[in-house]
Protein backbone atom coordinates (compact mmCIF):
# COMPACT_ATOMS: atom_id res chain seq x y z
CA MET A 1 -6.83 -23.55 -5.38
CA LYS A 2 -3.42 -22.95 -5.14
CA GLU A 3 -2.35 -18.91 -4.98
CA LYS A 4 -1.27 -17.52 -8.15
CA ARG A 5 0.22 -14.41 -6.56
CA ALA A 6 3.74 -13.57 -6.03
CA PHE A 7 3.46 -12.09 -2.55
CA PRO A 8 1.60 -12.50 0.15
CA ARG A 9 -0.77 -9.90 1.04
CA VAL A 10 -2.03 -7.65 4.00
CA SER A 11 -5.17 -5.43 4.91
CA MET A 12 -4.58 -2.75 7.45
CA LEU A 13 -5.45 0.86 8.25
CA ALA A 14 -2.79 3.45 7.34
CA PRO A 15 -2.43 7.26 6.92
CA LEU A 16 -2.56 7.10 3.52
CA PHE A 17 -1.85 10.36 0.52
CA VAL A 18 -3.01 9.99 -2.72
CA ARG A 19 -2.61 11.83 -5.83
CA PRO A 20 -2.84 11.94 -9.54
CA LEU A 21 0.56 12.15 -11.34
CA SER A 22 0.00 13.91 -15.13
CA SER A 23 2.42 12.45 -17.22
CA ALA A 24 4.35 9.86 -15.00
CA ALA A 25 5.40 6.83 -17.11
CA PRO A 26 7.16 3.95 -16.06
CA ASP A 27 10.51 5.08 -15.95
CA GLU A 28 9.73 8.50 -14.80
CA CYS A 29 8.21 6.49 -11.58
CA PHE A 30 9.91 6.64 -8.05
CA CYS A 31 10.36 4.82 -4.73
CA ARG A 32 11.40 7.17 -1.70
CA LEU A 33 11.79 6.26 1.84
CA ASN A 34 11.87 9.32 4.48
CA GLU A 35 12.87 7.89 7.45
CA GLN A 36 12.59 10.84 9.57
CA GLY A 37 9.39 10.52 9.55
CA PHE A 38 5.86 11.80 8.37
CA ASP A 39 5.19 15.58 6.90
CA ASP A 40 2.41 17.77 8.69
CA TYR A 41 0.38 16.81 5.90
CA LEU A 42 0.25 13.02 6.06
CA LYS A 43 0.43 12.76 10.05
CA ARG A 44 -3.21 14.66 9.68
CA SER A 45 -3.98 12.00 7.10
CA LEU A 46 -6.92 9.84 8.28
CA TYR A 47 -6.70 6.21 8.88
CA LYS A 48 -8.19 3.98 5.87
CA LYS A 49 -8.22 0.59 4.62
CA ILE A 50 -5.60 -0.81 2.09
CA ASN A 51 -4.36 -4.38 0.94
CA ILE A 52 -0.57 -4.14 0.50
CA SER A 53 1.79 -6.67 -1.32
CA GLY A 54 5.40 -6.80 -2.83
CA SER A 55 3.99 -5.91 -5.91
CA GLY A 56 1.03 -3.82 -5.69
CA ILE A 57 -1.63 -1.86 -3.31
CA VAL A 58 -5.62 -2.08 -3.42
CA LEU A 59 -7.60 1.36 -1.72
CA ASN A 60 -10.70 3.21 -1.57
CA SER A 61 -11.01 6.34 -3.01
CA ASP A 62 -13.25 8.82 -3.49
CA VAL A 63 -11.87 9.34 -7.00
CA SER A 64 -12.01 7.17 -10.02
CA TYR A 65 -8.90 6.98 -11.62
CA ALA A 66 -7.97 5.59 -15.60
CA PRO A 67 -6.44 2.39 -15.53
CA GLY A 68 -3.18 2.77 -16.50
CA SER A 69 -2.67 6.24 -14.97
CA PHE A 70 -0.13 6.52 -12.08
CA LEU A 71 -0.44 7.29 -8.68
CA GLU A 72 1.74 8.68 -6.33
CA VAL A 73 0.57 6.85 -3.19
CA GLN A 74 2.52 7.92 0.82
CA PHE A 75 1.89 5.67 3.58
CA MET A 76 2.91 3.78 6.41
CA LEU A 77 3.54 0.57 7.71
CA ASP A 78 2.16 1.00 11.72
CA ASP A 79 5.43 0.45 13.93
CA ALA A 80 7.53 -1.89 12.18
CA TYR A 81 8.95 1.10 10.21
CA PRO A 82 7.82 4.51 11.39
CA GLY A 83 8.97 6.63 7.97
CA ILE A 84 6.84 7.52 5.08
CA ILE A 85 6.91 5.10 2.19
CA ALA A 86 6.10 7.11 -0.79
CA LEU A 87 5.75 5.33 -3.83
CA CYS A 88 4.31 5.91 -7.79
CA ILE A 89 1.78 3.11 -8.72
CA GLU A 90 0.12 2.08 -11.99
CA VAL A 91 -3.80 1.79 -11.83
CA LEU A 92 -4.60 -1.40 -13.20
CA ARG A 93 -8.36 -1.47 -12.03
CA VAL A 94 -11.03 0.35 -10.77
CA ASP A 95 -14.06 -1.14 -9.43
CA MET A 96 -17.28 1.15 -7.98
CA ARG A 97 -18.26 0.65 -4.52
CA PRO A 98 -20.84 1.64 -2.14
CA GLY A 99 -19.43 5.29 -0.99
CA GLY A 100 -16.75 5.62 -3.91
CA TYR A 101 -14.31 3.60 -5.78
CA LEU A 102 -11.48 0.45 -5.25
CA VAL A 103 -8.77 1.56 -6.62
CA ALA A 104 -6.44 -1.52 -7.53
CA GLY A 105 -2.42 -0.75 -8.58
CA ARG A 106 0.95 -2.31 -9.08
CA PHE A 107 4.09 -0.13 -8.15
CA ALA A 108 6.27 0.64 -10.19
CA GLY A 109 9.80 1.57 -9.84
CA MET A 110 10.17 0.06 -7.03
CA ASP A 111 13.74 -0.79 -5.15
CA ASP A 112 14.44 -3.75 -3.88
CA LYS A 113 14.93 -2.52 -0.50
CA VAL A 114 11.26 -1.04 -0.37
CA GLN A 115 9.95 -4.20 -1.59
CA LYS A 116 12.08 -6.27 1.05
CA LEU A 117 10.80 -3.58 4.04
CA ILE A 118 6.63 -4.21 3.11
CA VAL A 119 7.47 -8.22 2.21
CA ASN A 120 8.98 -8.34 5.77
CA PHE A 121 6.59 -6.18 7.20
CA ILE A 122 3.60 -8.57 5.91
CA SER A 123 5.46 -11.54 7.04
CA GLU A 124 5.74 -10.37 10.20
CA ARG A 125 2.28 -9.24 10.37
CA GLU A 126 0.82 -12.57 9.82
CA HIS A 127 3.14 -14.32 12.10
CA ARG A 128 1.98 -12.18 15.00
CA VAL A 129 -1.68 -12.82 13.95
CA ARG A 130 -1.35 -16.47 13.72
CA GLY A 131 0.39 -16.16 17.38
CA ARG A 132 -2.49 -14.15 18.84
CA LYS A 133 -5.00 -17.21 17.16
CA THR A 134 -3.05 -20.28 18.42
CA ALA A 135 -2.35 -18.16 21.99
CA ASN A 136 -6.44 -17.90 21.61
CA PRO A 137 -8.24 -19.66 19.85
CA ALA A 138 -11.91 -18.18 20.12
CA VAL A 139 -10.20 -15.00 17.81
């Protein structure tokens, strides 16, 4: 079966901050890079599992959000990019899971620079994983 996604995806652990945006609309969404590093709050955030692509993110949440609502998400792409990526997502789907919810969202207002950064990160990460499996086939 052929993959229908526009971008490859990768699962990872990342420090994650999520908050609802009360009155956001697609034209009000933002995309920011903070190359100086994390603020103090995000430094203390727990690492959470996310699944990310060049067009969206899936994350675990203790809170259920309404499809169509907008969230601010802040995270870091391990050592490949040591700063904060702050994006706005539109919630597409929320599934109840043991211990919480699985929230799937599409990035809104993302600029090409950030999208390229995420896509390159995924590509490099997949290359590293394939390299480890080739070097150690038992993995």
